[in-house]
Amino acid sequence: MSLDLKENRPINNRGDSATFINEKYGEHERNNFDIWQAKSDVPTPLVIYIHGGGFVGGDKSKYYDSKDLVRFLDAGVSVAVINYRFMNETPYGIMASMNDSKRCLQYIRYNSKKYNIDKNRIACSGGSAGAGTSLWLAFNNNMAEPENDDHVLRESTRLTCAGAFATQSTYDICRWSELLGFPKKQTEREKFEIARAFGFKSAENIDLIKETKIRVELDFLNQMNKNSSPFFVFNKQPGGFPLSEDQLNHHPLHAKALKEKAEEVGVEAVIYAPEIGIVDDSGINFVEFFLKQSAPI
């Protein structure tokens, strides 16, 4: 985390202060974001970084020291870093956290003139929880609500592309055994984690929870289709049987599942999972991927 202590302003690893700080996009105390504006007389592309932390922790300050943040600015791309409510807060569950990120995207689009943003060239990226949220936005159909009284929610949720680092393949956690090939009897703790992710306070009646429609809403892998936004994935965890929850959550087989689905439906994807032999022939990084996707036609 880097702050200019004299002015209490976020600074990147080159010493540039954020242009806008703690901008509010909703009513929750964590509904805020910072933006570094690229120097430009015309609206710029934008990358929105969504932090990780298992939807129960983390902070936008994780990205203040990001080298890619500076690379984007040098390439004429503005950068936002955002916070969102955690899943153990009302209304509970992963969906509440992801809906905050969706609203932030729509809020920035609604206020694009203020931030000098080209609303047609926006990407979301992040690690772990932020990665999955970015893919959820990329794979869903446009979630704009044209008739909503809240004009922010009338804005498009479509992305130019998404970047996902240490990502999961879906937030329908009940599918992980099938996708990763590590079937095992669930412990009471694991049942509780599934229940909490789906927005339930306890694991009582876990079988009923497994049938709820929230599984469909959280299964962004299944939502991927030929019209989804292009995406970039990098998962560097070791392969083999996961020896910890962290290895399970970020296993490279998540990247493999995403790659196979992208090939099946015909979505452009650059995917790296080097520990299991998945390396894209292009060799490009996420900055290069976004610049390619956002280049004017």
C-alpha atoms as a PDB file:
ATOM      1  CA  MET A   1       0.000   0.000   0.000  1.00  0.00           C
ATOM      2  CA  SER A   2       1.346   3.455  -0.916  1.00  0.00           C
ATOM      3  CA  LEU A   3      -0.039   6.728   0.410  1.00  0.00           C
ATOM      4  CA  ASP A   4       1.199  10.281   0.185  1.00  0.00           C
ATOM      5  CA  LEU A   5       1.078  10.859   3.931  1.00  0.00           C
ATOM      6  CA  LYS A   6       1.217  14.629   3.577  1.00  0.00           C
ATOM      7  CA  GLU A   7      -1.898  14.761   1.408  1.00  0.00           C
ATOM      8  CA  ASN A   8      -3.331  11.330   2.296  1.00  0.00           C
ATOM      9  CA  ARG A   9      -3.541  10.459  -1.386  1.00  0.00           C
ATOM     10  CA  PRO A  10      -2.969   7.036  -2.974  1.00  0.00           C
ATOM     11  CA  ILE A  11       0.203   6.997  -5.082  1.00  0.00           C
ATOM     12  CA  ASN A  12       1.421   4.437  -7.588  1.00  0.00           C
ATOM     13  CA  ASN A  13       4.927   2.963  -7.630  1.00  0.00           C
ATOM     14  CA  ARG A  14       6.173   5.875  -9.750  1.00  0.00           C
ATOM     15  CA  GLY A  15       4.892   8.434  -7.275  1.00  0.00           C
ATOM     16  CA  ASP A  16       1.843   9.604  -9.247  1.00  0.00           C
ATOM     17  CA  SER A  17      -1.135  10.526  -7.065  1.00  0.00           C
ATOM     18  CA  ALA A  18      -4.577   9.225  -7.928  1.00  0.00           C
ATOM     19  CA  THR A  19      -6.688  11.821  -9.725  1.00  0.00           C
ATOM     20  CA  PHE A  20      -9.916  10.945  -7.899  1.00  0.00           C
ATOM     21  CA  ILE A  21      -9.941   9.385  -4.433  1.00  0.00           C
ATOM     22  CA  ASN A  22     -12.665   7.459  -2.582  1.00  0.00           C
ATOM     23  CA  GLU A  23     -15.316   8.259  -5.143  1.00  0.00           C
ATOM     24  CA  LYS A  24     -18.659   6.853  -3.941  1.00  0.00           C
ATOM     25  CA  TYR A  25     -20.684   4.608  -6.242  1.00  0.00           C
ATOM     26  CA  GLY A  26     -23.225   3.253  -3.727  1.00  0.00           C
ATOM     27  CA  GLU A  27     -24.523   3.463  -0.184  1.00  0.00           C
ATOM     28  CA  HIS A  28     -22.340   0.836   1.506  1.00  0.00           C
ATOM     29  CA  GLU A  29     -19.237   2.158   3.285  1.00  0.00           C
ATOM     30  CA  ARG A  30     -16.998   0.082   1.011  1.00  0.00           C
ATOM     31  CA  ASN A  31     -18.638   1.334  -2.190  1.00  0.00           C
ATOM     32  CA  ASN A  32     -15.699   3.512  -3.213  1.00  0.00           C
ATOM     33  CA  PHE A  33     -12.917   3.667  -5.795  1.00  0.00           C
ATOM     34  CA  ASP A  34      -9.858   5.629  -6.896  1.00  0.00           C
ATOM     35  CA  ILE A  35      -8.931   6.587 -10.462  1.00  0.00           C
ATOM     36  CA  TRP A  36      -5.621   7.472 -12.043  1.00  0.00           C
ATOM     37  CA  GLN A  37      -6.446   9.395 -15.210  1.00  0.00           C
ATOM     38  CA  ALA A  38      -4.167   8.964 -18.199  1.00  0.00           C
ATOM     39  CA  LYS A  39      -3.107  12.301 -19.665  1.00  0.00           C
ATOM     40  CA  SER A  40      -5.340  12.888 -22.675  1.00  0.00           C
ATOM     41  CA  ASP A  41      -7.518  15.543 -24.286  1.00  0.00           C
ATOM     42  CA  VAL A  42      -9.915  12.859 -25.480  1.00  0.00           C
ATOM     43  CA  PRO A  43     -11.739  10.103 -23.540  1.00  0.00           C
ATOM     44  CA  THR A  44      -9.420   7.238 -22.622  1.00  0.00           C
ATOM     45  CA  PRO A  45      -9.864   3.490 -22.260  1.00  0.00           C
ATOM     46  CA  LEU A  46     -10.159   2.240 -18.680  1.00  0.00           C
ATOM     47  CA  VAL A  47      -9.109  -0.821 -16.719  1.00  0.00           C
ATOM     48  CA  ILE A  48     -10.937  -1.461 -13.436  1.00  0.00           C
ATOM     49  CA  TYR A  49      -9.044  -3.548 -10.877  1.00  0.00           C
ATOM     50  CA  ILE A  50     -11.134  -5.629  -8.451  1.00  0.00           C
ATOM     51  CA  HIS A  51      -9.160  -6.935  -5.461  1.00  0.00           C
ATOM     52  CA  GLY A  52      -9.155 -10.497  -4.145  1.00  0.00           C
ATOM     53  CA  GLY A  53      -9.542 -11.803  -0.606  1.00  0.00           C
ATOM     54  CA  GLY A  54     -12.112 -14.584  -0.795  1.00  0.00           C
ATOM     55  CA  PHE A  55     -14.946 -12.031  -0.687  1.00  0.00           C
ATOM     56  CA  VAL A  56     -14.245 -11.632   3.046  1.00  0.00           C
ATOM     57  CA  GLY A  57     -11.150  -9.397   2.980  1.00  0.00           C
ATOM     58  CA  GLY A  58      -8.806  -7.350   0.828  1.00  0.00           C
ATOM     59  CA  ASP A  59      -8.680  -3.751  -0.271  1.00  0.00           C
ATOM     60  CA  LYS A  60      -8.190  -1.615  -3.379  1.00  0.00           C
ATOM     61  CA  SER A  61      -4.798  -0.504  -2.019  1.00  0.00           C
ATOM     62  CA  LYS A  62      -3.415  -3.886  -3.156  1.00  0.00           C
ATOM     63  CA  TYR A  63      -3.028  -2.405  -6.638  1.00  0.00           C
ATOM     64  CA  TYR A  64      -1.424   0.927  -5.740  1.00  0.00           C
ATOM     65  CA  ASP A  65       2.049  -0.558  -6.313  1.00  0.00           C
ATOM     66  CA  SER A  66       1.106  -2.529  -9.423  1.00  0.00           C
ATOM     67  CA  LYS A  67       3.628  -2.235 -12.255  1.00  0.00           C
ATOM     68  CA  ASP A  68       0.821  -2.794 -14.741  1.00  0.00           C
ATOM     69  CA  LEU A  69      -0.976   0.277 -13.387  1.00  0.00           C
ATOM     70  CA  VAL A  70       1.932   2.429 -14.558  1.00  0.00           C
ATOM     71  CA  ARG A  71       2.209   0.530 -17.844  1.00  0.00           C
ATOM     72  CA  PHE A  72      -1.436   1.234 -18.578  1.00  0.00           C
ATOM     73  CA  LEU A  73      -1.063   4.942 -17.795  1.00  0.00           C
ATOM     74  CA  ASP A  74       1.962   5.165 -20.081  1.00  0.00           C
ATOM     75  CA  ALA A  75      -0.112   3.547 -22.826  1.00  0.00           C
ATOM     76  CA  GLY A  76      -2.883   6.150 -22.437  1.00  0.00           C
ATOM     77  CA  VAL A  77      -5.219   3.940 -20.393  1.00  0.00           C
ATOM     78  CA  SER A  78      -6.796   5.196 -17.176  1.00  0.00           C
ATOM     79  CA  VAL A  79      -6.977   2.868 -14.175  1.00  0.00           C
ATOM     80  CA  ALA A  80      -9.568   2.514 -11.398  1.00  0.00           C
ATOM     81  CA  VAL A  81      -9.157   0.418  -8.247  1.00  0.00           C
ATOM     82  CA  ILE A  82     -12.317  -0.439  -6.331  1.00  0.00           C
ATOM     83  CA  ASN A  83     -13.670  -1.727  -3.033  1.00  0.00           C
ATOM     84  CA  TYR A  84     -16.906  -3.666  -2.510  1.00  0.00           C
ATOM     85  CA  ARG A  85     -18.866  -5.139   0.396  1.00  0.00           C
ATOM     86  CA  PHE A  86     -17.868  -8.574   1.707  1.00  0.00           C
ATOM     87  CA  MET A  87     -20.087 -11.629   1.393  1.00  0.00           C
ATOM     88  CA  ASN A  88     -20.562 -11.938   5.162  1.00  0.00           C
ATOM     89  CA  GLU A  89     -22.430  -8.620   5.171  1.00  0.00           C
ATOM     90  CA  THR A  90     -26.073  -7.945   4.289  1.00  0.00           C
ATOM     91  CA  PRO A  91     -27.522  -9.175   1.951  1.00  0.00           C
ATOM     92  CA  TYR A  92     -24.910 -11.975   2.241  1.00  0.00           C
ATOM     93  CA  GLY A  93     -23.240 -14.192  -0.325  1.00  0.00           C
ATOM     94  CA  ILE A  94     -20.875 -13.837  -3.264  1.00  0.00           C
ATOM     95  CA  MET A  95     -23.589 -12.319  -5.440  1.00  0.00           C
ATOM     96  CA  ALA A  96     -23.846  -9.254  -3.207  1.00  0.00           C
ATOM     97  CA  SER A  97     -20.115  -8.603  -3.562  1.00  0.00           C
ATOM     98  CA  MET A  98     -20.190  -9.063  -7.337  1.00  0.00           C
ATOM     99  CA  ASN A  99     -23.232  -6.841  -7.743  1.00  0.00           C
ATOM    100  CA  ASP A 100     -21.271  -4.045  -6.069  1.00  0.00           C
ATOM    101  CA  SER A 101     -18.526  -4.383  -8.687  1.00  0.00           C
ATOM    102  CA  LYS A 102     -21.176  -4.403 -11.422  1.00  0.00           C
ATOM    103  CA  ARG A 103     -22.659  -1.194 -10.053  1.00  0.00           C
ATOM    104  CA  CYS A 104     -19.230   0.427  -9.881  1.00  0.00           C
ATOM    105  CA  LEU A 105     -18.659  -0.374 -13.564  1.00  0.00           C
ATOM    106  CA  GLN A 106     -22.054   1.121 -14.409  1.00  0.00           C
ATOM    107  CA  TYR A 107     -21.444   4.165 -12.203  1.00  0.00           C
ATOM    108  CA  ILE A 108     -18.188   4.972 -13.971  1.00  0.00           C
ATOM    109  CA  ARG A 109     -19.922   4.571 -17.336  1.00  0.00           C
ATOM    110  CA  TYR A 110     -22.730   6.888 -16.209  1.00  0.00           C
ATOM    111  CA  ASN A 111     -20.137   9.468 -15.148  1.00  0.00           C
ATOM    112  CA  SER A 112     -17.748   8.856 -18.048  1.00  0.00           C
ATOM    113  CA  LYS A 113     -17.529  12.562 -18.938  1.00  0.00           C
ATOM    114  CA  LYS A 114     -16.416  13.437 -15.410  1.00  0.00           C
ATOM    115  CA  TYR A 115     -13.620  10.863 -15.525  1.00  0.00           C
ATOM    116  CA  ASN A 116     -12.801  11.396 -19.238  1.00  0.00           C
ATOM    117  CA  ILE A 117     -13.487   7.716 -19.978  1.00  0.00           C
ATOM    118  CA  ASP A 118     -14.430   6.113 -23.286  1.00  0.00           C
ATOM    119  CA  LYS A 119     -17.326   3.982 -22.027  1.00  0.00           C
ATOM    120  CA  ASN A 120     -16.965   1.622 -25.004  1.00  0.00           C
ATOM    121  CA  ARG A 121     -13.423   0.582 -24.036  1.00  0.00           C
ATOM    122  CA  ILE A 122     -13.509  -0.738 -20.467  1.00  0.00           C
ATOM    123  CA  ALA A 123     -11.997  -3.899 -19.003  1.00  0.00           C
ATOM    124  CA  CYS A 124     -12.162  -5.441 -15.542  1.00  0.00           C
ATOM    125  CA  SER A 125      -9.311  -7.395 -14.005  1.00  0.00           C
ATOM    126  CA  GLY A 126      -8.255  -8.790 -10.673  1.00  0.00           C
ATOM    127  CA  GLY A 127      -6.908 -11.686  -8.670  1.00  0.00           C
ATOM    128  CA  SER A 128      -8.855 -14.560  -7.117  1.00  0.00           C
ATOM    129  CA  ALA A 129     -12.239 -13.096  -6.083  1.00  0.00           C
ATOM    130  CA  GLY A 130     -11.554 -10.104  -8.327  1.00  0.00           C
ATOM    131  CA  ALA A 131     -10.677 -12.471 -11.158  1.00  0.00           C
ATOM    132  CA  GLY A 132     -13.891 -14.456 -10.848  1.00  0.00           C
ATOM    133  CA  THR A 133     -15.922 -11.249 -10.646  1.00  0.00           C
ATOM    134  CA  SER A 134     -14.259  -9.964 -13.818  1.00  0.00           C
ATOM    135  CA  LEU A 135     -15.119 -13.195 -15.639  1.00  0.00           C
ATOM    136  CA  TRP A 136     -18.694 -13.106 -14.321  1.00  0.00           C
ATOM    137  CA  LEU A 137     -19.062  -9.658 -15.891  1.00  0.00           C
ATOM    138  CA  ALA A 138     -17.360 -10.772 -19.108  1.00  0.00           C
ATOM    139  CA  PHE A 139     -19.469 -13.886 -19.630  1.00  0.00           C
ATOM    140  CA  ASN A 140     -22.902 -12.601 -18.635  1.00  0.00           C
ATOM    141  CA  ASN A 141     -25.244 -11.066 -21.147  1.00  0.00           C
ATOM    142  CA  ASN A 142     -25.622  -7.319 -20.756  1.00  0.00           C
ATOM    143  CA  MET A 143     -27.162  -6.786 -17.301  1.00  0.00           C
ATOM    144  CA  ALA A 144     -28.310  -3.211 -17.983  1.00  0.00           C
ATOM    145  CA  GLU A 145     -31.830  -2.396 -16.762  1.00  0.00           C
ATOM    146  CA  PRO A 146     -33.145   0.195 -19.276  1.00  0.00           C
ATOM    147  CA  GLU A 147     -36.307   0.955 -17.286  1.00  0.00           C
ATOM    148  CA  ASN A 148     -34.732   1.221 -13.833  1.00  0.00           C
ATOM    149  CA  ASP A 149     -35.432   4.450 -11.923  1.00  0.00           C
ATOM    150  CA  ASP A 150     -31.762   4.397 -10.909  1.00  0.00           C
ATOM    151  CA  HIS A 151     -30.130   5.692 -14.086  1.00  0.00           C
ATOM    152  CA  VAL A 152     -26.784   4.161 -13.097  1.00  0.00           C
ATOM    153  CA  LEU A 153     -28.277   0.694 -13.490  1.00  0.00           C
ATOM    154  CA  ARG A 154     -29.408   1.536 -17.018  1.00  0.00           C
ATOM    155  CA  GLU A 155     -25.773   1.496 -18.143  1.00  0.00           C
ATOM    156  CA  SER A 156     -24.236  -1.443 -19.981  1.00  0.00           C
ATOM    157  CA  THR A 157     -22.203  -4.061 -18.142  1.00  0.00           C
ATOM    158  CA  ARG A 158     -20.415  -5.284 -21.279  1.00  0.00           C
ATOM    159  CA  LEU A 159     -16.631  -5.378 -21.164  1.00  0.00           C
ATOM    160  CA  THR A 160     -14.021  -4.942 -23.868  1.00  0.00           C
ATOM    161  CA  CYS A 161     -12.217  -7.847 -22.210  1.00  0.00           C
ATOM    162  CA  ALA A 162     -11.358  -9.268 -18.792  1.00  0.00           C
ATOM    163  CA  GLY A 163      -8.145 -10.213 -17.020  1.00  0.00           C
ATOM    164  CA  ALA A 164      -8.167 -13.007 -14.431  1.00  0.00           C
ATOM    165  CA  PHE A 165      -5.199 -13.955 -12.229  1.00  0.00           C
ATOM    166  CA  ALA A 166      -5.346 -16.967  -9.874  1.00  0.00           C
ATOM    167  CA  THR A 167      -8.960 -17.332 -10.866  1.00  0.00           C
ATOM    168  CA  GLN A 168     -11.654 -19.847 -10.127  1.00  0.00           C
ATOM    169  CA  SER A 169     -13.561 -21.407 -13.031  1.00  0.00           C
ATOM    170  CA  THR A 170     -17.014 -20.966 -11.508  1.00  0.00           C
ATOM    171  CA  TYR A 171     -18.618 -19.878  -8.251  1.00  0.00           C
ATOM    172  CA  ASP A 172     -21.012 -22.803  -8.364  1.00  0.00           C
ATOM    173  CA  ILE A 173     -18.675 -24.455  -5.865  1.00  0.00           C
ATOM    174  CA  CYS A 174     -20.705 -27.659  -6.049  1.00  0.00           C
ATOM    175  CA  ARG A 175     -19.196 -28.208  -9.528  1.00  0.00           C
ATOM    176  CA  TRP A 176     -15.565 -28.056  -8.412  1.00  0.00           C
ATOM    177  CA  SER A 177     -15.209 -31.793  -7.776  1.00  0.00           C
ATOM    178  CA  GLU A 178     -16.487 -32.490 -11.281  1.00  0.00           C
ATOM    179  CA  LEU A 179     -14.306 -29.851 -12.962  1.00  0.00           C
ATOM    180  CA  LEU A 180     -11.095 -30.391 -11.008  1.00  0.00           C
ATOM    181  CA  GLY A 181     -11.346 -34.156 -10.524  1.00  0.00           C
ATOM    182  CA  PHE A 182     -10.850 -34.119  -6.748  1.00  0.00           C
ATOM    183  CA  PRO A 183     -14.013 -35.798  -5.438  1.00  0.00           C
ATOM    184  CA  LYS A 184     -14.193 -36.189  -1.686  1.00  0.00           C
ATOM    185  CA  LYS A 185     -16.745 -36.223   1.066  1.00  0.00           C
ATOM    186  CA  GLN A 186     -17.486 -32.705   2.228  1.00  0.00           C
ATOM    187  CA  THR A 187     -16.605 -31.787   5.784  1.00  0.00           C
ATOM    188  CA  GLU A 188     -18.997 -29.726   7.874  1.00  0.00           C
ATOM    189  CA  ARG A 189     -16.678 -26.764   7.375  1.00  0.00           C
ATOM    190  CA  GLU A 190     -16.807 -27.150   3.601  1.00  0.00           C
ATOM    191  CA  LYS A 191     -20.586 -27.398   3.692  1.00  0.00           C
ATOM    192  CA  PHE A 192     -20.691 -24.175   5.672  1.00  0.00           C
ATOM    193  CA  GLU A 193     -18.419 -22.439   3.138  1.00  0.00           C
ATOM    194  CA  ILE A 194     -20.714 -23.491   0.283  1.00  0.00           C
ATOM    195  CA  ALA A 195     -23.757 -22.263   2.183  1.00  0.00           C
ATOM    196  CA  ARG A 196     -22.108 -18.931   2.991  1.00  0.00           C
ATOM    197  CA  ALA A 197     -21.024 -18.390  -0.628  1.00  0.00           C
ATOM    198  CA  PHE A 198     -24.600 -18.977  -1.762  1.00  0.00           C
ATOM    199  CA  GLY A 199     -25.907 -16.445   0.749  1.00  0.00           C
ATOM    200  CA  PHE A 200     -27.200 -18.802   3.466  1.00  0.00           C
ATOM    201  CA  LYS A 201     -26.230 -18.345   7.117  1.00  0.00           C
ATOM    202  CA  SER A 202     -25.948 -22.067   7.898  1.00  0.00           C
ATOM    203  CA  ALA A 203     -25.373 -25.383   6.158  1.00  0.00           C
ATOM    204  CA  GLU A 204     -28.647 -26.812   7.382  1.00  0.00           C
ATOM    205  CA  ASN A 205     -30.513 -28.485   4.511  1.00  0.00           C
ATOM    206  CA  ILE A 206     -27.375 -28.350   2.337  1.00  0.00           C
ATOM    207  CA  ASP A 207     -29.054 -30.553  -0.275  1.00  0.00           C
ATOM    208  CA  LEU A 208     -31.763 -27.930  -0.753  1.00  0.00           C
ATOM    209  CA  ILE A 209     -29.078 -25.270  -1.069  1.00  0.00           C
ATOM    210  CA  LYS A 210     -27.502 -27.271  -3.884  1.00  0.00           C
ATOM    211  CA  GLU A 211     -30.751 -27.038  -5.839  1.00  0.00           C
ATOM    212  CA  THR A 212     -31.243 -23.303  -5.498  1.00  0.00           C
ATOM    213  CA  LYS A 213     -31.193 -21.041  -8.549  1.00  0.00           C
ATOM    214  CA  ILE A 214     -28.228 -19.138  -7.061  1.00  0.00           C
ATOM    215  CA  ARG A 215     -26.045 -21.915  -8.484  1.00  0.00           C
ATOM    216  CA  VAL A 216     -27.103 -20.891 -11.981  1.00  0.00           C
ATOM    217  CA  GLU A 217     -26.428 -17.218 -11.281  1.00  0.00           C
ATOM    218  CA  LEU A 218     -22.959 -17.940  -9.891  1.00  0.00           C
ATOM    219  CA  ASP A 219     -21.920 -20.390 -12.607  1.00  0.00           C
ATOM    220  CA  PHE A 220     -20.123 -17.961 -14.904  1.00  0.00           C
ATOM    221  CA  LEU A 221     -18.366 -20.858 -16.658  1.00  0.00           C
ATOM    222  CA  ASN A 222     -21.727 -22.093 -17.902  1.00  0.00           C
ATOM    223  CA  GLN A 223     -22.706 -18.531 -18.858  1.00  0.00           C
ATOM    224  CA  MET A 224     -19.781 -18.237 -21.280  1.00  0.00           C
ATOM    225  CA  ASN A 225     -21.028 -18.204 -24.884  1.00  0.00           C
ATOM    226  CA  LYS A 226     -19.892 -17.071 -28.329  1.00  0.00           C
ATOM    227  CA  ASN A 227     -20.907 -13.468 -27.548  1.00  0.00           C
ATOM    228  CA  SER A 228     -18.899 -13.252 -24.303  1.00  0.00           C
ATOM    229  CA  SER A 229     -16.040 -10.789 -23.992  1.00  0.00           C
ATOM    230  CA  PRO A 230     -12.481 -11.976 -24.741  1.00  0.00           C
ATOM    231  CA  PHE A 231     -10.497 -12.846 -21.633  1.00  0.00           C
ATOM    232  CA  PHE A 232      -6.980 -13.384 -20.301  1.00  0.00           C
ATOM    233  CA  VAL A 233      -6.101 -15.902 -17.562  1.00  0.00           C
ATOM    234  CA  PHE A 234      -2.903 -16.601 -15.624  1.00  0.00           C
ATOM    235  CA  ASN A 235      -2.883 -19.297 -12.912  1.00  0.00           C
ATOM    236  CA  LYS A 236       0.569 -20.220 -11.644  1.00  0.00           C
ATOM    237  CA  GLN A 237      -0.238 -22.599  -8.776  1.00  0.00           C
ATOM    238  CA  PRO A 238       1.292 -26.100  -8.960  1.00  0.00           C
ATOM    239  CA  GLY A 239      -0.689 -28.953 -10.463  1.00  0.00           C
ATOM    240  CA  GLY A 240      -1.430 -32.248  -8.754  1.00  0.00           C
ATOM    241  CA  PHE A 241      -3.572 -32.888  -5.724  1.00  0.00           C
ATOM    242  CA  PRO A 242      -4.148 -29.618  -3.816  1.00  0.00           C
ATOM    243  CA  LEU A 243      -2.430 -29.607  -0.428  1.00  0.00           C
ATOM    244  CA  SER A 244      -4.248 -26.549   0.888  1.00  0.00           C
ATOM    245  CA  GLU A 245      -7.447 -24.576   0.418  1.00  0.00           C
ATOM    246  CA  ASP A 246      -5.400 -21.900  -1.353  1.00  0.00           C
ATOM    247  CA  GLN A 247      -4.121 -24.437  -3.896  1.00  0.00           C
ATOM    248  CA  LEU A 248      -7.645 -25.748  -4.450  1.00  0.00           C
ATOM    249  CA  ASN A 249      -9.127 -22.274  -4.920  1.00  0.00           C
ATOM    250  CA  HIS A 250      -6.439 -21.251  -7.431  1.00  0.00           C
ATOM    251  CA  HIS A 251      -5.600 -24.598  -9.002  1.00  0.00           C
ATOM    252  CA  PRO A 252      -4.459 -24.400 -12.659  1.00  0.00           C
ATOM    253  CA  LEU A 253      -7.211 -26.858 -13.569  1.00  0.00           C
ATOM    254  CA  HIS A 254      -9.587 -23.902 -13.146  1.00  0.00           C
ATOM    255  CA  ALA A 255      -7.727 -22.270 -16.042  1.00  0.00           C
ATOM    256  CA  LYS A 256      -7.922 -25.504 -18.021  1.00  0.00           C
ATOM    257  CA  ALA A 257     -11.705 -25.642 -17.591  1.00  0.00           C
ATOM    258  CA  LEU A 258     -11.986 -22.054 -18.828  1.00  0.00           C
ATOM    259  CA  LYS A 259      -9.761 -22.814 -21.812  1.00  0.00           C
ATOM    260  CA  GLU A 260     -11.806 -25.847 -22.817  1.00  0.00           C
ATOM    261  CA  LYS A 261     -15.078 -23.907 -22.566  1.00  0.00           C
ATOM    262  CA  ALA A 262     -13.688 -20.987 -24.599  1.00  0.00           C
ATOM    263  CA  GLU A 263     -12.596 -23.380 -27.348  1.00  0.00           C
ATOM    264  CA  GLU A 264     -16.005 -25.074 -27.286  1.00  0.00           C
ATOM    265  CA  VAL A 265     -18.039 -21.860 -27.693  1.00  0.00           C
ATOM    266  CA  GLY A 266     -15.540 -19.874 -29.769  1.00  0.00           C
ATOM    267  CA  VAL A 267     -14.499 -17.039 -27.440  1.00  0.00           C
ATOM    268  CA  GLU A 268     -11.065 -15.453 -27.824  1.00  0.00           C
ATOM    269  CA  ALA A 269      -8.924 -16.285 -24.810  1.00  0.00           C
ATOM    270  CA  VAL A 270      -5.261 -16.094 -23.855  1.00  0.00           C
ATOM    271  CA  ILE A 271      -4.615 -18.573 -21.050  1.00  0.00           C
ATOM    272  CA  TYR A 272      -1.497 -19.453 -19.104  1.00  0.00           C
ATOM    273  CA  ALA A 273      -1.295 -22.298 -16.600  1.00  0.00           C
ATOM    274  CA  PRO A 274       2.410 -23.147 -16.967  1.00  0.00           C
ATOM    275  CA  GLU A 275       2.532 -25.745 -14.186  1.00  0.00           C
ATOM    276  CA  ILE A 276       0.218 -28.001 -16.218  1.00  0.00           C
ATOM    277  CA  GLY A 277       1.696 -27.118 -19.598  1.00  0.00           C
ATOM    278  CA  ILE A 278      -0.770 -24.482 -20.805  1.00  0.00           C
ATOM    279  CA  VAL A 279       1.135 -21.572 -22.387  1.00  0.00           C
ATOM    280  CA  ASP A 280      -0.319 -19.314 -25.072  1.00  0.00           C
ATOM    281  CA  ASP A 281       1.739 -19.147 -28.260  1.00  0.00           C
ATOM    282  CA  SER A 282       1.319 -15.362 -28.451  1.00  0.00           C
ATOM    283  CA  GLY A 283       3.385 -14.790 -25.318  1.00  0.00           C
ATOM    284  CA  ILE A 284       1.506 -11.556 -24.644  1.00  0.00           C
ATOM    285  CA  ASN A 285       0.721 -10.189 -21.191  1.00  0.00           C
ATOM    286  CA  PHE A 286      -2.541  -8.650 -19.991  1.00  0.00           C
ATOM    287  CA  VAL A 287      -1.519  -5.063 -20.798  1.00  0.00           C
ATOM    288  CA  GLU A 288      -0.771  -6.078 -24.384  1.00  0.00           C
ATOM    289  CA  PHE A 289      -3.985  -8.108 -24.556  1.00  0.00           C
ATOM    290  CA  PHE A 290      -6.123  -5.147 -23.476  1.00  0.00           C
ATOM    291  CA  LEU A 291      -4.382  -2.733 -25.851  1.00  0.00           C
ATOM    292  CA  LYS A 292      -5.089  -5.152 -28.691  1.00  0.00           C
ATOM    293  CA  GLN A 293      -8.759  -5.533 -27.737  1.00  0.00           C
ATOM    294  CA  SER A 294      -9.326  -1.801 -27.184  1.00  0.00           C
ATOM    295  CA  ALA A 295      -7.527  -0.522 -30.281  1.00  0.00           C
ATOM    296  CA  PRO A 296      -9.771   1.743 -32.375  1.00  0.00           C
ATOM    297  CA  ILE A 297     -11.182   0.000 -35.427  1.00  0.00           C
END
